[in-house]
Amino acid sequence: MAASKHRNRAQQRVLQTLSVLIDRGKAGALPGEIANAIATIPSNTTRDLANLQHGGFARTVDGRWYAVIPPAAATKIGNL
């Protein structure tokens, strides 16, 4: 099976969103900045950020969004 057969555009967009948050670091990013950075519409970014927040991978403070490493992942990464 080809790897591309299993790729999903929405899932790839969520990963791109997380990548932007990681790149922005402590500065964080506004949803519009993220949408522009990955060339998507704002409603997609809103949905993707909500899913990242639900999964423990993002948080928002005063409208800006930041990447988060969930405690379980941090523990496992530390053990590599």
C-alpha atoms as a PDB file:
ATOM      1  CA  MET A   1       0.000   0.000   0.000  1.00  0.00           C
ATOM      2  CA  ALA A   2       1.203   3.470  -0.843  1.00  0.00           C
ATOM      3  CA  ALA A   3       1.640   5.821   2.097  1.00  0.00           C
ATOM      4  CA  SER A   4      -0.215   8.611   0.282  1.00  0.00           C
ATOM      5  CA  LYS A   5      -3.363   6.474   0.264  1.00  0.00           C
ATOM      6  CA  HIS A   6      -3.583   6.914   4.020  1.00  0.00           C
ATOM      7  CA  ARG A   7      -2.993  10.660   4.179  1.00  0.00           C
ATOM      8  CA  ASN A   8      -5.886  12.852   5.196  1.00  0.00           C
ATOM      9  CA  ARG A   9      -5.958  16.559   4.371  1.00  0.00           C
ATOM     10  CA  ALA A  10      -7.692  17.585   7.612  1.00  0.00           C
ATOM     11  CA  GLN A  11      -5.275  15.607   9.753  1.00  0.00           C
ATOM     12  CA  GLN A  12      -2.322  17.076   7.874  1.00  0.00           C
ATOM     13  CA  ARG A  13      -3.748  20.564   8.467  1.00  0.00           C
ATOM     14  CA  VAL A  14      -3.965  19.901  12.223  1.00  0.00           C
ATOM     15  CA  LEU A  15      -0.309  18.862  12.190  1.00  0.00           C
ATOM     16  CA  GLN A  16       0.600  22.018  10.244  1.00  0.00           C
ATOM     17  CA  THR A  17      -1.296  24.076  12.826  1.00  0.00           C
ATOM     18  CA  LEU A  18       0.641  22.445  15.654  1.00  0.00           C
ATOM     19  CA  SER A  19       3.872  23.054  13.765  1.00  0.00           C
ATOM     20  CA  VAL A  20       3.084  26.779  13.513  1.00  0.00           C
ATOM     21  CA  LEU A  21       2.385  26.910  17.253  1.00  0.00           C
ATOM     22  CA  ILE A  22       5.678  25.170  17.987  1.00  0.00           C
ATOM     23  CA  ASP A  23       7.550  27.549  15.666  1.00  0.00           C
ATOM     24  CA  ARG A  24       5.986  30.608  17.337  1.00  0.00           C
ATOM     25  CA  GLY A  25       7.012  29.379  20.782  1.00  0.00           C
ATOM     26  CA  LYS A  26       6.390  31.800  23.649  1.00  0.00           C
ATOM     27  CA  ALA A  27       5.040  34.462  21.284  1.00  0.00           C
ATOM     28  CA  GLY A  28       2.054  32.290  20.406  1.00  0.00           C
ATOM     29  CA  ALA A  29      -0.160  33.011  17.425  1.00  0.00           C
ATOM     30  CA  LEU A  30      -3.560  34.420  16.649  1.00  0.00           C
ATOM     31  CA  PRO A  31      -5.934  32.161  14.716  1.00  0.00           C
ATOM     32  CA  GLY A  32      -5.760  34.454  11.675  1.00  0.00           C
ATOM     33  CA  GLU A  33      -1.964  34.290  11.683  1.00  0.00           C
ATOM     34  CA  ILE A  34      -2.122  30.516  11.733  1.00  0.00           C
ATOM     35  CA  ALA A  35      -4.684  30.410   8.917  1.00  0.00           C
ATOM     36  CA  ASN A  36      -2.477  32.662   6.795  1.00  0.00           C
ATOM     37  CA  ALA A  37       0.643  30.649   7.576  1.00  0.00           C
ATOM     38  CA  ILE A  38      -0.882  27.383   6.373  1.00  0.00           C
ATOM     39  CA  ALA A  39      -3.102  28.854   3.652  1.00  0.00           C
ATOM     40  CA  THR A  40      -6.465  27.763   5.008  1.00  0.00           C
ATOM     41  CA  ILE A  41      -9.701  29.450   5.975  1.00  0.00           C
ATOM     42  CA  PRO A  42     -10.252  30.748   9.530  1.00  0.00           C
ATOM     43  CA  SER A  43     -13.056  28.285  10.305  1.00  0.00           C
ATOM     44  CA  ASN A  44     -10.673  25.378   9.658  1.00  0.00           C
ATOM     45  CA  THR A  45      -8.148  26.920  12.027  1.00  0.00           C
ATOM     46  CA  THR A  46     -10.776  27.408  14.723  1.00  0.00           C
ATOM     47  CA  ARG A  47     -11.812  23.749  14.456  1.00  0.00           C
ATOM     48  CA  ASP A  48      -8.209  22.517  14.401  1.00  0.00           C
ATOM     49  CA  LEU A  49      -7.255  24.597  17.450  1.00  0.00           C
ATOM     50  CA  ALA A  50     -10.282  23.291  19.342  1.00  0.00           C
ATOM     51  CA  ASN A  51      -9.211  19.717  18.582  1.00  0.00           C
ATOM     52  CA  LEU A  52      -5.617  20.403  19.604  1.00  0.00           C
ATOM     53  CA  GLN A  53      -6.860  21.979  22.834  1.00  0.00           C
ATOM     54  CA  HIS A  54      -9.147  19.018  23.521  1.00  0.00           C
ATOM     55  CA  GLY A  55      -6.202  16.651  23.001  1.00  0.00           C
ATOM     56  CA  GLY A  56      -3.996  18.665  25.339  1.00  0.00           C
ATOM     57  CA  PHE A  57      -1.655  19.911  22.605  1.00  0.00           C
ATOM     58  CA  ALA A  58      -2.645  23.609  22.611  1.00  0.00           C
ATOM     59  CA  ARG A  59      -3.911  26.279  24.965  1.00  0.00           C
ATOM     60  CA  THR A  60      -5.175  29.804  24.565  1.00  0.00           C
ATOM     61  CA  VAL A  61      -4.421  32.888  26.643  1.00  0.00           C
ATOM     62  CA  ASP A  62      -5.999  36.243  25.773  1.00  0.00           C
ATOM     63  CA  GLY A  63      -6.809  35.092  22.240  1.00  0.00           C
ATOM     64  CA  ARG A  64      -3.299  33.846  21.423  1.00  0.00           C
ATOM     65  CA  TRP A  65      -2.630  30.143  21.025  1.00  0.00           C
ATOM     66  CA  TYR A  66       0.373  28.183  22.283  1.00  0.00           C
ATOM     67  CA  ALA A  67       1.664  24.652  21.798  1.00  0.00           C
ATOM     68  CA  VAL A  68       1.589  22.371  24.827  1.00  0.00           C
ATOM     69  CA  ILE A  69       3.375  19.086  25.406  1.00  0.00           C
ATOM     70  CA  PRO A  70       0.955  16.870  27.343  1.00  0.00           C
ATOM     71  CA  PRO A  71       2.497  15.445  30.547  1.00  0.00           C
ATOM     72  CA  ALA A  72       2.309  11.840  29.321  1.00  0.00           C
ATOM     73  CA  ALA A  73       4.152  12.743  26.115  1.00  0.00           C
ATOM     74  CA  ALA A  74       6.748  14.790  27.996  1.00  0.00           C
ATOM     75  CA  THR A  75       7.494  11.799  30.217  1.00  0.00           C
ATOM     76  CA  LYS A  76       7.896   9.466  27.255  1.00  0.00           C
ATOM     77  CA  ILE A  77      10.013  11.959  25.289  1.00  0.00           C
ATOM     78  CA  GLY A  78      12.238  12.398  28.333  1.00  0.00           C
ATOM     79  CA  ASN A  79      12.817   8.648  28.411  1.00  0.00           C
ATOM     80  CA  LEU A  80      14.031   8.396  24.807  1.00  0.00           C
END
